[in-house]
Amino acid sequence: MADTTVKLYSNTLRNPVMNGSGTLGYGKEIEPLWPIETLGAYVTKGLSLRPHHGNQVPRVWEERYGMINSIGLQNVGVTRFFDEYFPLFRKKNTPVIVNFFGFTEDEYVACAENIKPDPLIVGLEINLSCPNVKKGGISFGKDPDMVGGIIRQVKAVTPIPLIAKLTPEVKNIMDIACAAHEAGADGLTLINTIPAAAVDAVGKKVPIKGGLSGPALRSVALRAVYEISKAVPVPVIGSGGIMDYMDAVYFFMAGAKAVEIGTVTFVDPFAIPKIIDGIKDYMERERYADMDSIIGCAHCEDLNGR
């Protein structure tokens, strides 16, 4: 029988499948459909030091090859999450990755300080796509120096492994990944959404500008995972356009230690259990004994030197 467990820092996950941040609410919302402990680990909505109201509607927009979202990081705040929602994960013995953010360096640091270590917390996933309000609104994740600086500050206040979630909206994502690693990041999530907009032809307006997710991102994310997992010696979590179990397999072969599933859950709320079962069936059919035998197996020299 294929062994789907993966070890990530001090935790052994029952499988390498997680949800993308913000796609399963606070966890309890999916429980009427399937148990949260089905996941290898649950990734929280982006949490801030204080509650954040987010953007006006519309917040989501369906496109032919994906979905545009502009939630605006709406959340209940880190304190309320641990008071009201974390007990579910303790009851279900489900590992958690805490996604968090800030609009200043101080907010990032204060939020991380408020997340106390717990055996169920696998890591902190730092969202670097937020605008730095003290530097004219440029995203933290677009500048290698800012990425290195904020990671060093957060690493100084928490012993929990820090996973940097990188935006593809940069000239060279490899430079950003290297800066994160050199500053002490323990892992990378590749990638976040791509800036996009929709047009309402009837209303003659642009009703939403936000981040594009879904199948259109898969090849972009795969290239980032493939190249960066070969060059940067920390675990990589693949994220972007995974719609079925074979998409997940491609990410493992490209070098991802685990994957995050997002947009497809809005198409089929049972997609994550189906993907987990599909990975296990594929491994048994193709005689992969464990995840180590499939992760990075596509890491061979390019025949054309690219």
C-alpha atoms as a PDB file:
ATOM      1  CA  MET A   1       0.000   0.000   0.000  1.00  0.00           C
ATOM      2  CA  ALA A   2       1.385   3.410  -0.970  1.00  0.00           C
ATOM      3  CA  ASP A   3       2.552   5.589   1.922  1.00  0.00           C
ATOM      4  CA  THR A   4       1.253   9.147   1.381  1.00  0.00           C
ATOM      5  CA  THR A   5       2.691  10.634   4.569  1.00  0.00           C
ATOM      6  CA  VAL A   6       5.204  13.478   4.356  1.00  0.00           C
ATOM      7  CA  LYS A   7       7.386  14.923   7.100  1.00  0.00           C
ATOM      8  CA  LEU A   8       7.330  18.706   7.284  1.00  0.00           C
ATOM      9  CA  TYR A   9       9.579  20.097  10.021  1.00  0.00           C
ATOM     10  CA  SER A  10       8.569  18.358  13.272  1.00  0.00           C
ATOM     11  CA  ASN A  11       5.195  17.138  11.994  1.00  0.00           C
ATOM     12  CA  THR A  12       4.323  14.062   9.960  1.00  0.00           C
ATOM     13  CA  LEU A  13       1.339  14.848   7.729  1.00  0.00           C
ATOM     14  CA  ARG A  14      -1.021  12.022   6.790  1.00  0.00           C
ATOM     15  CA  ASN A  15      -0.902  13.217   3.195  1.00  0.00           C
ATOM     16  CA  PRO A  16       0.696  16.114   1.258  1.00  0.00           C
ATOM     17  CA  VAL A  17      -2.552  17.955   0.449  1.00  0.00           C
ATOM     18  CA  MET A  18      -3.595  21.252   2.045  1.00  0.00           C
ATOM     19  CA  ASN A  19      -6.145  23.909   1.195  1.00  0.00           C
ATOM     20  CA  GLY A  20      -5.048  27.280  -0.149  1.00  0.00           C
ATOM     21  CA  SER A  21      -5.308  30.095   2.373  1.00  0.00           C
ATOM     22  CA  GLY A  22      -8.797  31.571   2.501  1.00  0.00           C
ATOM     23  CA  THR A  23     -10.501  28.833   0.495  1.00  0.00           C
ATOM     24  CA  LEU A  24     -12.067  26.818   3.342  1.00  0.00           C
ATOM     25  CA  GLY A  25     -13.096  29.647   5.652  1.00  0.00           C
ATOM     26  CA  TYR A  26     -12.126  28.876   9.250  1.00  0.00           C
ATOM     27  CA  GLY A  27     -12.403  25.124   8.775  1.00  0.00           C
ATOM     28  CA  LYS A  28     -15.829  24.551  10.303  1.00  0.00           C
ATOM     29  CA  GLU A  29     -17.550  25.607   7.065  1.00  0.00           C
ATOM     30  CA  ILE A  30     -16.440  22.434   5.237  1.00  0.00           C
ATOM     31  CA  GLU A  31     -17.262  20.052   8.092  1.00  0.00           C
ATOM     32  CA  PRO A  32     -20.873  19.361   6.957  1.00  0.00           C
ATOM     33  CA  LEU A  33     -19.412  17.950   3.701  1.00  0.00           C
ATOM     34  CA  TRP A  34     -16.238  16.123   4.770  1.00  0.00           C
ATOM     35  CA  PRO A  35     -14.094  15.958   7.930  1.00  0.00           C
ATOM     36  CA  ILE A  36     -11.353  18.559   8.211  1.00  0.00           C
ATOM     37  CA  GLU A  37      -8.875  15.863   9.294  1.00  0.00           C
ATOM     38  CA  THR A  38      -9.001  14.586   5.700  1.00  0.00           C
ATOM     39  CA  LEU A  39      -6.375  17.265   4.955  1.00  0.00           C
ATOM     40  CA  GLY A  40      -2.684  16.751   5.501  1.00  0.00           C
ATOM     41  CA  ALA A  41      -2.775  20.213   7.068  1.00  0.00           C
ATOM     42  CA  TYR A  42      -5.272  23.066   7.186  1.00  0.00           C
ATOM     43  CA  VAL A  43      -4.048  26.497   6.051  1.00  0.00           C
ATOM     44  CA  THR A  44      -5.830  29.378   7.788  1.00  0.00           C
ATOM     45  CA  LYS A  45      -7.328  32.433   6.186  1.00  0.00           C
ATOM     46  CA  GLY A  46      -4.796  35.246   6.218  1.00  0.00           C
ATOM     47  CA  LEU A  47      -4.792  36.526   9.815  1.00  0.00           C
ATOM     48  CA  SER A  48      -3.827  39.996  10.956  1.00  0.00           C
ATOM     49  CA  LEU A  49      -3.077  41.403  14.396  1.00  0.00           C
ATOM     50  CA  ARG A  50      -6.521  43.005  14.530  1.00  0.00           C
ATOM     51  CA  PRO A  51      -9.758  42.112  12.650  1.00  0.00           C
ATOM     52  CA  HIS A  52      -9.857  43.464   9.098  1.00  0.00           C
ATOM     53  CA  HIS A  53     -13.046  44.288   7.201  1.00  0.00           C
ATOM     54  CA  GLY A  54     -11.831  43.602   3.648  1.00  0.00           C
ATOM     55  CA  ASN A  55     -13.175  45.023   0.376  1.00  0.00           C
ATOM     56  CA  GLN A  56     -16.613  45.946  -0.898  1.00  0.00           C
ATOM     57  CA  VAL A  57     -18.476  43.500  -3.163  1.00  0.00           C
ATOM     58  CA  PRO A  58     -18.083  42.065  -5.717  1.00  0.00           C
ATOM     59  CA  ARG A  59     -15.261  40.095  -4.168  1.00  0.00           C
ATOM     60  CA  VAL A  60     -15.147  37.165  -6.603  1.00  0.00           C
ATOM     61  CA  TRP A  61     -15.647  36.932 -10.355  1.00  0.00           C
ATOM     62  CA  GLU A  62     -15.738  33.801 -12.496  1.00  0.00           C
ATOM     63  CA  GLU A  63     -13.642  33.800 -15.660  1.00  0.00           C
ATOM     64  CA  ARG A  64     -13.232  31.203 -18.421  1.00  0.00           C
ATOM     65  CA  TYR A  65      -9.917  29.863 -17.088  1.00  0.00           C
ATOM     66  CA  GLY A  66     -10.103  30.791 -13.452  1.00  0.00           C
ATOM     67  CA  MET A  67     -11.457  33.129 -10.827  1.00  0.00           C
ATOM     68  CA  ILE A  68     -10.638  36.685  -9.814  1.00  0.00           C
ATOM     69  CA  ASN A  69     -10.888  37.440  -6.120  1.00  0.00           C
ATOM     70  CA  SER A  70     -10.630  40.695  -4.251  1.00  0.00           C
ATOM     71  CA  ILE A  71     -11.503  39.703  -0.681  1.00  0.00           C
ATOM     72  CA  GLY A  72      -9.158  42.319   0.730  1.00  0.00           C
ATOM     73  CA  LEU A  73      -7.795  40.037   3.477  1.00  0.00           C
ATOM     74  CA  GLN A  74     -11.008  40.166   5.524  1.00  0.00           C
ATOM     75  CA  ASN A  75     -10.500  38.164   8.737  1.00  0.00           C
ATOM     76  CA  VAL A  76     -11.405  37.971  12.422  1.00  0.00           C
ATOM     77  CA  GLY A  77      -7.896  38.633  13.703  1.00  0.00           C
ATOM     78  CA  VAL A  78      -5.365  36.257  15.183  1.00  0.00           C
ATOM     79  CA  THR A  79      -6.662  36.361  18.787  1.00  0.00           C
ATOM     80  CA  ARG A  80     -10.265  35.467  17.890  1.00  0.00           C
ATOM     81  CA  PHE A  81      -9.094  32.705  15.539  1.00  0.00           C
ATOM     82  CA  PHE A  82      -7.227  30.928  18.313  1.00  0.00           C
ATOM     83  CA  ASP A  83     -10.012  31.500  20.862  1.00  0.00           C
ATOM     84  CA  GLU A  84     -12.937  30.401  18.687  1.00  0.00           C
ATOM     85  CA  TYR A  85     -11.707  28.286  15.781  1.00  0.00           C
ATOM     86  CA  PHE A  86      -8.442  26.579  16.766  1.00  0.00           C
ATOM     87  CA  PRO A  87     -10.175  24.186  19.227  1.00  0.00           C
ATOM     88  CA  LEU A  88     -11.752  22.405  16.212  1.00  0.00           C
ATOM     89  CA  PHE A  89      -8.296  21.459  14.935  1.00  0.00           C
ATOM     90  CA  ARG A  90      -7.188  20.353  18.379  1.00  0.00           C
ATOM     91  CA  LYS A  91     -10.324  18.181  18.657  1.00  0.00           C
ATOM     92  CA  LYS A  92      -9.682  16.681  15.201  1.00  0.00           C
ATOM     93  CA  ASN A  93      -5.889  16.403  15.724  1.00  0.00           C
ATOM     94  CA  THR A  94      -5.375  18.257  12.438  1.00  0.00           C
ATOM     95  CA  PRO A  95      -2.076  20.049  11.765  1.00  0.00           C
ATOM     96  CA  VAL A  96      -2.378  23.766  10.969  1.00  0.00           C
ATOM     97  CA  ILE A  97      -0.311  26.234   8.938  1.00  0.00           C
ATOM     98  CA  VAL A  98      -1.099  29.787  10.045  1.00  0.00           C
ATOM     99  CA  ASN A  99      -1.160  32.273   7.155  1.00  0.00           C
ATOM    100  CA  PHE A 100      -0.629  35.829   8.416  1.00  0.00           C
ATOM    101  CA  PHE A 101       0.075  39.345   7.151  1.00  0.00           C
ATOM    102  CA  GLY A 102       0.531  43.007   8.050  1.00  0.00           C
ATOM    103  CA  PHE A 103       0.579  46.392   6.369  1.00  0.00           C
ATOM    104  CA  THR A 104       3.776  47.467   8.170  1.00  0.00           C
ATOM    105  CA  GLU A 105       6.848  45.608   9.402  1.00  0.00           C
ATOM    106  CA  ASP A 106       5.669  46.132  12.986  1.00  0.00           C
ATOM    107  CA  GLU A 107       2.285  44.523  12.230  1.00  0.00           C
ATOM    108  CA  TYR A 108       3.947  41.432  10.763  1.00  0.00           C
ATOM    109  CA  VAL A 109       6.178  41.068  13.811  1.00  0.00           C
ATOM    110  CA  ALA A 110       3.388  41.683  16.332  1.00  0.00           C
ATOM    111  CA  CYS A 111       1.106  39.166  14.616  1.00  0.00           C
ATOM    112  CA  ALA A 112       3.817  36.481  14.624  1.00  0.00           C
ATOM    113  CA  GLU A 113       4.540  37.172  18.301  1.00  0.00           C
ATOM    114  CA  ASN A 114       0.877  36.533  19.132  1.00  0.00           C
ATOM    115  CA  ILE A 115       0.958  33.034  17.618  1.00  0.00           C
ATOM    116  CA  LYS A 116       2.216  30.765  20.344  1.00  0.00           C
ATOM    117  CA  PRO A 117       3.954  27.483  19.457  1.00  0.00           C
ATOM    118  CA  ASP A 118       1.703  24.421  19.564  1.00  0.00           C
ATOM    119  CA  PRO A 119       2.380  20.804  18.560  1.00  0.00           C
ATOM    120  CA  LEU A 120      -0.325  21.119  15.880  1.00  0.00           C
ATOM    121  CA  ILE A 121       1.154  24.255  14.265  1.00  0.00           C
ATOM    122  CA  VAL A 122       3.383  23.084  11.419  1.00  0.00           C
ATOM    123  CA  GLY A 123       4.528  26.527  10.371  1.00  0.00           C
ATOM    124  CA  LEU A 124       3.681  30.174   9.780  1.00  0.00           C
ATOM    125  CA  GLU A 125       2.971  31.078   6.144  1.00  0.00           C
ATOM    126  CA  ILE A 126       3.867  34.732   5.682  1.00  0.00           C
ATOM    127  CA  ASN A 127       1.841  36.493   2.981  1.00  0.00           C
ATOM    128  CA  LEU A 128       4.228  38.929   1.325  1.00  0.00           C
ATOM    129  CA  SER A 129       1.725  40.360  -1.167  1.00  0.00           C
ATOM    130  CA  CYS A 130       0.477  43.113   1.157  1.00  0.00           C
ATOM    131  CA  PRO A 131       1.190  46.782   0.381  1.00  0.00           C
ATOM    132  CA  ASN A 132       3.779  48.370   2.668  1.00  0.00           C
ATOM    133  CA  VAL A 133       1.916  51.509   3.754  1.00  0.00           C
ATOM    134  CA  LYS A 134       5.127  53.155   4.987  1.00  0.00           C
ATOM    135  CA  LYS A 135       6.824  52.784   1.610  1.00  0.00           C
ATOM    136  CA  GLY A 136       4.170  54.088  -0.738  1.00  0.00           C
ATOM    137  CA  GLY A 137       2.146  50.894  -1.018  1.00  0.00           C
ATOM    138  CA  ILE A 138       4.708  48.719  -2.826  1.00  0.00           C
ATOM    139  CA  SER A 139       4.159  45.064  -2.040  1.00  0.00           C
ATOM    140  CA  PHE A 140       6.607  43.575   0.482  1.00  0.00           C
ATOM    141  CA  GLY A 141       7.100  40.623  -1.834  1.00  0.00           C
ATOM    142  CA  LYS A 142       8.314  42.603  -4.868  1.00  0.00           C
ATOM    143  CA  ASP A 143      11.632  43.748  -3.430  1.00  0.00           C
ATOM    144  CA  PRO A 144      14.343  41.255  -2.338  1.00  0.00           C
ATOM    145  CA  ASP A 145      15.622  43.636   0.333  1.00  0.00           C
ATOM    146  CA  MET A 146      12.154  44.081   1.839  1.00  0.00           C
ATOM    147  CA  VAL A 147      11.560  40.314   1.717  1.00  0.00           C
ATOM    148  CA  GLY A 148      14.836  39.653   3.509  1.00  0.00           C
ATOM    149  CA  GLY A 149      14.201  42.381   6.056  1.00  0.00           C
ATOM    150  CA  ILE A 150      10.725  41.293   7.085  1.00  0.00           C
ATOM    151  CA  ILE A 151      11.705  37.634   7.283  1.00  0.00           C
ATOM    152  CA  ARG A 152      14.660  38.423   9.541  1.00  0.00           C
ATOM    153  CA  GLN A 153      12.417  40.482  11.843  1.00  0.00           C
ATOM    154  CA  VAL A 154       9.773  37.751  12.089  1.00  0.00           C
ATOM    155  CA  LYS A 155      12.335  34.973  12.571  1.00  0.00           C
ATOM    156  CA  ALA A 156      13.696  36.915  15.562  1.00  0.00           C
ATOM    157  CA  VAL A 157      10.395  36.685  17.466  1.00  0.00           C
ATOM    158  CA  THR A 158       9.138  33.157  16.784  1.00  0.00           C
ATOM    159  CA  PRO A 159      10.595  29.642  16.924  1.00  0.00           C
ATOM    160  CA  ILE A 160       7.890  28.332  14.558  1.00  0.00           C
ATOM    161  CA  PRO A 161       9.120  27.443  11.035  1.00  0.00           C
ATOM    162  CA  LEU A 162       8.482  30.330   8.646  1.00  0.00           C
ATOM    163  CA  ILE A 163       7.180  29.635   5.124  1.00  0.00           C
ATOM    164  CA  ALA A 164       7.301  32.547   2.657  1.00  0.00           C
ATOM    165  CA  LYS A 165       4.399  32.674   0.185  1.00  0.00           C
ATOM    166  CA  LEU A 166       5.757  34.440  -2.890  1.00  0.00           C
ATOM    167  CA  THR A 167       3.983  36.518  -5.493  1.00  0.00           C
ATOM    168  CA  PRO A 168       4.727  35.847  -9.182  1.00  0.00           C
ATOM    169  CA  GLU A 169       4.249  39.585  -9.872  1.00  0.00           C
ATOM    170  CA  VAL A 170       8.003  40.215  -9.952  1.00  0.00           C
ATOM    171  CA  LYS A 171      10.754  40.474 -12.554  1.00  0.00           C
ATOM    172  CA  ASN A 172      12.567  37.378 -11.256  1.00  0.00           C
ATOM    173  CA  ILE A 173      10.911  35.178  -8.628  1.00  0.00           C
ATOM    174  CA  MET A 174      14.193  33.259  -8.180  1.00  0.00           C
ATOM    175  CA  ASP A 175      15.806  36.418  -6.761  1.00  0.00           C
ATOM    176  CA  ILE A 176      12.955  36.756  -4.258  1.00  0.00           C
ATOM    177  CA  ALA A 177      13.156  33.068  -3.294  1.00  0.00           C
ATOM    178  CA  CYS A 178      16.926  33.314  -2.725  1.00  0.00           C
ATOM    179  CA  ALA A 179      16.482  36.469  -0.620  1.00  0.00           C
ATOM    180  CA  ALA A 180      13.865  34.699   1.516  1.00  0.00           C
ATOM    181  CA  HIS A 181      16.114  31.678   2.009  1.00  0.00           C
ATOM    182  CA  GLU A 182      19.183  33.746   2.861  1.00  0.00           C
ATOM    183  CA  ALA A 183      17.130  35.652   5.457  1.00  0.00           C
ATOM    184  CA  GLY A 184      16.161  32.404   7.157  1.00  0.00           C
ATOM    185  CA  ALA A 185      12.879  31.254   5.591  1.00  0.00           C
ATOM    186  CA  ASP A 186      12.334  27.577   6.368  1.00  0.00           C
ATOM    187  CA  GLY A 187      10.115  26.964   3.333  1.00  0.00           C
ATOM    188  CA  LEU A 188       8.430  28.546   0.311  1.00  0.00           C
ATOM    189  CA  THR A 189       4.886  28.479  -1.043  1.00  0.00           C
ATOM    190  CA  LEU A 190       4.852  28.975  -4.818  1.00  0.00           C
ATOM    191  CA  ILE A 191       2.877  30.877  -6.033  1.00  0.00           C
ATOM    192  CA  ASN A 192       0.199  33.424  -5.103  1.00  0.00           C
ATOM    193  CA  THR A 193      -2.384  34.848  -7.532  1.00  0.00           C
ATOM    194  CA  ILE A 194      -1.639  37.022 -10.597  1.00  0.00           C
ATOM    195  CA  PRO A 195      -3.077  40.581 -10.885  1.00  0.00           C
ATOM    196  CA  ALA A 196      -6.146  40.628 -13.151  1.00  0.00           C
ATOM    197  CA  ALA A 197      -9.338  42.508 -13.960  1.00  0.00           C
ATOM    198  CA  ALA A 198     -12.771  41.787 -15.451  1.00  0.00           C
ATOM    199  CA  VAL A 199     -14.949  43.934 -17.724  1.00  0.00           C
ATOM    200  CA  ASP A 200     -18.732  44.196 -17.487  1.00  0.00           C
ATOM    201  CA  ALA A 201     -19.843  44.867 -21.071  1.00  0.00           C
ATOM    202  CA  VAL A 202     -23.412  45.715 -20.064  1.00  0.00           C
ATOM    203  CA  GLY A 203     -22.473  48.159 -17.330  1.00  0.00           C
ATOM    204  CA  LYS A 204     -19.458  49.386 -19.312  1.00  0.00           C
ATOM    205  CA  LYS A 205     -17.173  49.247 -16.288  1.00  0.00           C
ATOM    206  CA  VAL A 206     -14.483  47.202 -14.566  1.00  0.00           C
ATOM    207  CA  PRO A 207     -16.374  45.655 -11.638  1.00  0.00           C
ATOM    208  CA  ILE A 208     -13.395  43.949 -10.058  1.00  0.00           C
ATOM    209  CA  LYS A 209      -9.627  44.080  -9.980  1.00  0.00           C
ATOM    210  CA  GLY A 210      -7.934  41.393  -7.958  1.00  0.00           C
ATOM    211  CA  GLY A 211      -5.915  38.192  -8.099  1.00  0.00           C
ATOM    212  CA  LEU A 212      -6.434  35.537 -10.773  1.00  0.00           C
ATOM    213  CA  SER A 213      -6.372  31.927  -9.589  1.00  0.00           C
ATOM    214  CA  GLY A 214      -7.289  28.632 -11.213  1.00  0.00           C
ATOM    215  CA  PRO A 215      -6.115  26.586 -14.213  1.00  0.00           C
ATOM    216  CA  ALA A 216      -4.539  29.576 -16.000  1.00  0.00           C
ATOM    217  CA  LEU A 217      -1.823  29.641 -13.319  1.00  0.00           C
ATOM    218  CA  ARG A 218      -0.783  25.990 -13.367  1.00  0.00           C
ATOM    219  CA  SER A 219       2.083  26.170 -15.859  1.00  0.00           C
ATOM    220  CA  VAL A 220       3.444  29.376 -14.310  1.00  0.00           C
ATOM    221  CA  ALA A 221       3.429  27.793 -10.848  1.00  0.00           C
ATOM    222  CA  LEU A 222       4.966  24.550 -12.123  1.00  0.00           C
ATOM    223  CA  ARG A 223       7.929  26.398 -13.614  1.00  0.00           C
ATOM    224  CA  ALA A 224       8.509  28.274 -10.352  1.00  0.00           C
ATOM    225  CA  VAL A 225       8.328  25.055  -8.318  1.00  0.00           C
ATOM    226  CA  TYR A 226      10.612  23.174 -10.708  1.00  0.00           C
ATOM    227  CA  GLU A 227      13.337  25.819 -10.907  1.00  0.00           C
ATOM    228  CA  ILE A 228      13.269  27.039  -7.314  1.00  0.00           C
ATOM    229  CA  SER A 229      13.048  23.585  -5.686  1.00  0.00           C
ATOM    230  CA  LYS A 230      16.242  22.656  -7.537  1.00  0.00           C
ATOM    231  CA  ALA A 231      18.055  25.820  -6.459  1.00  0.00           C
ATOM    232  CA  VAL A 232      16.837  26.570  -2.922  1.00  0.00           C
ATOM    233  CA  PRO A 233      17.304  23.861  -0.238  1.00  0.00           C
ATOM    234  CA  VAL A 234      14.059  24.285   1.734  1.00  0.00           C
ATOM    235  CA  PRO A 235      10.694  22.532   1.342  1.00  0.00           C
ATOM    236  CA  VAL A 236       8.494  23.968  -1.418  1.00  0.00           C
ATOM    237  CA  ILE A 237       4.688  23.909  -1.277  1.00  0.00           C
ATOM    238  CA  GLY A 238       3.147  24.102  -4.754  1.00  0.00           C
ATOM    239  CA  SER A 239       0.064  26.233  -5.311  1.00  0.00           C
ATOM    240  CA  GLY A 240      -1.635  27.375  -8.494  1.00  0.00           C
ATOM    241  CA  GLY A 241      -4.245  25.838 -10.770  1.00  0.00           C
ATOM    242  CA  ILE A 242      -4.393  22.324  -9.325  1.00  0.00           C
ATOM    243  CA  MET A 243      -7.739  20.967 -10.512  1.00  0.00           C
ATOM    244  CA  ASP A 244      -7.318  17.177 -10.125  1.00  0.00           C
ATOM    245  CA  TYR A 245      -4.952  14.528  -8.747  1.00  0.00           C
ATOM    246  CA  MET A 246      -2.736  14.478 -11.840  1.00  0.00           C
ATOM    247  CA  ASP A 247      -2.134  18.214 -11.522  1.00  0.00           C
ATOM    248  CA  ALA A 248      -0.951  17.506  -7.964  1.00  0.00           C
ATOM    249  CA  VAL A 249       1.298  14.675  -9.208  1.00  0.00           C
ATOM    250  CA  TYR A 250       2.918  17.075 -11.696  1.00  0.00           C
ATOM    251  CA  PHE A 251       3.771  19.425  -8.821  1.00  0.00           C
ATOM    252  CA  PHE A 252       5.312  16.595  -6.761  1.00  0.00           C
ATOM    253  CA  MET A 253       7.409  15.464  -9.717  1.00  0.00           C
ATOM    254  CA  ALA A 254       8.519  19.077 -10.237  1.00  0.00           C
ATOM    255  CA  GLY A 255       9.769  19.167  -6.639  1.00  0.00           C
ATOM    256  CA  ALA A 256       6.872  20.203  -4.383  1.00  0.00           C
ATOM    257  CA  LYS A 257       6.874  18.591  -0.946  1.00  0.00           C
ATOM    258  CA  ALA A 258       3.161  19.336  -0.595  1.00  0.00           C
ATOM    259  CA  VAL A 259       0.422  21.148  -2.512  1.00  0.00           C
ATOM    260  CA  GLU A 260      -2.310  23.667  -1.703  1.00  0.00           C
ATOM    261  CA  ILE A 261      -5.706  23.336  -3.393  1.00  0.00           C
ATOM    262  CA  GLY A 262      -7.891  26.406  -3.845  1.00  0.00           C
ATOM    263  CA  THR A 263     -10.065  27.451  -6.761  1.00  0.00           C
ATOM    264  CA  VAL A 264     -11.305  23.960  -7.664  1.00  0.00           C
ATOM    265  CA  THR A 265     -13.059  23.759  -4.287  1.00  0.00           C
ATOM    266  CA  PHE A 266     -15.396  26.498  -5.552  1.00  0.00           C
ATOM    267  CA  VAL A 267     -16.195  24.286  -8.558  1.00  0.00           C
ATOM    268  CA  ASP A 268     -16.502  21.032  -6.618  1.00  0.00           C
ATOM    269  CA  PRO A 269     -16.500  21.214  -2.808  1.00  0.00           C
ATOM    270  CA  PHE A 270     -15.499  17.526  -2.698  1.00  0.00           C
ATOM    271  CA  ALA A 271     -12.425  18.091  -4.899  1.00  0.00           C
ATOM    272  CA  ILE A 272      -9.875  17.820  -2.084  1.00  0.00           C
ATOM    273  CA  PRO A 273     -10.936  14.325  -0.868  1.00  0.00           C
ATOM    274  CA  LYS A 274     -11.071  13.208  -4.518  1.00  0.00           C
ATOM    275  CA  ILE A 275      -7.540  14.521  -5.141  1.00  0.00           C
ATOM    276  CA  ILE A 276      -6.188  12.768  -2.028  1.00  0.00           C
ATOM    277  CA  ASP A 277      -7.763   9.461  -3.093  1.00  0.00           C
ATOM    278  CA  GLY A 278      -6.546   9.981  -6.660  1.00  0.00           C
ATOM    279  CA  ILE A 279      -2.934  10.500  -5.547  1.00  0.00           C
ATOM    280  CA  LYS A 280      -2.998   7.301  -3.508  1.00  0.00           C
ATOM    281  CA  ASP A 281      -4.555   5.283  -6.358  1.00  0.00           C
ATOM    282  CA  TYR A 282      -1.998   6.693  -8.826  1.00  0.00           C
ATOM    283  CA  MET A 283       0.930   5.806  -6.568  1.00  0.00           C
ATOM    284  CA  GLU A 284      -0.318   2.242  -6.126  1.00  0.00           C
ATOM    285  CA  ARG A 285      -1.049   1.875  -9.854  1.00  0.00           C
ATOM    286  CA  GLU A 286       2.401   3.189 -10.825  1.00  0.00           C
ATOM    287  CA  ARG A 287       4.110   1.402  -7.921  1.00  0.00           C
ATOM    288  CA  TYR A 288       5.443   4.420  -6.048  1.00  0.00           C
ATOM    289  CA  ALA A 289       6.023   3.125  -2.511  1.00  0.00           C
ATOM    290  CA  ASP A 290       6.084   6.518  -0.788  1.00  0.00           C
ATOM    291  CA  MET A 291       6.109  10.259  -1.409  1.00  0.00           C
ATOM    292  CA  ASP A 292       9.917  10.466  -1.342  1.00  0.00           C
ATOM    293  CA  SER A 293      10.018   8.294  -4.461  1.00  0.00           C
ATOM    294  CA  ILE A 294       7.882  10.741  -6.447  1.00  0.00           C
ATOM    295  CA  ILE A 295       8.871  14.184  -5.095  1.00  0.00           C
ATOM    296  CA  GLY A 296      11.394  15.783  -7.457  1.00  0.00           C
ATOM    297  CA  CYS A 297      11.621  12.769  -9.761  1.00  0.00           C
ATOM    298  CA  ALA A 298      11.458  15.156 -12.759  1.00  0.00           C
ATOM    299  CA  HIS A 299      14.655  16.878 -11.614  1.00  0.00           C
ATOM    300  CA  CYS A 300      16.850  15.862 -14.495  1.00  0.00           C
ATOM    301  CA  GLU A 301      19.027  18.006 -16.716  1.00  0.00           C
ATOM    302  CA  ASP A 302      17.092  19.742 -19.484  1.00  0.00           C
ATOM    303  CA  LEU A 303      17.873  18.123 -22.819  1.00  0.00           C
ATOM    304  CA  ASN A 304      18.032  21.502 -24.555  1.00  0.00           C
ATOM    305  CA  GLY A 305      19.987  23.211 -21.782  1.00  0.00           C
ATOM    306  CA  ARG A 306      17.222  25.610 -20.742  1.00  0.00           C
END
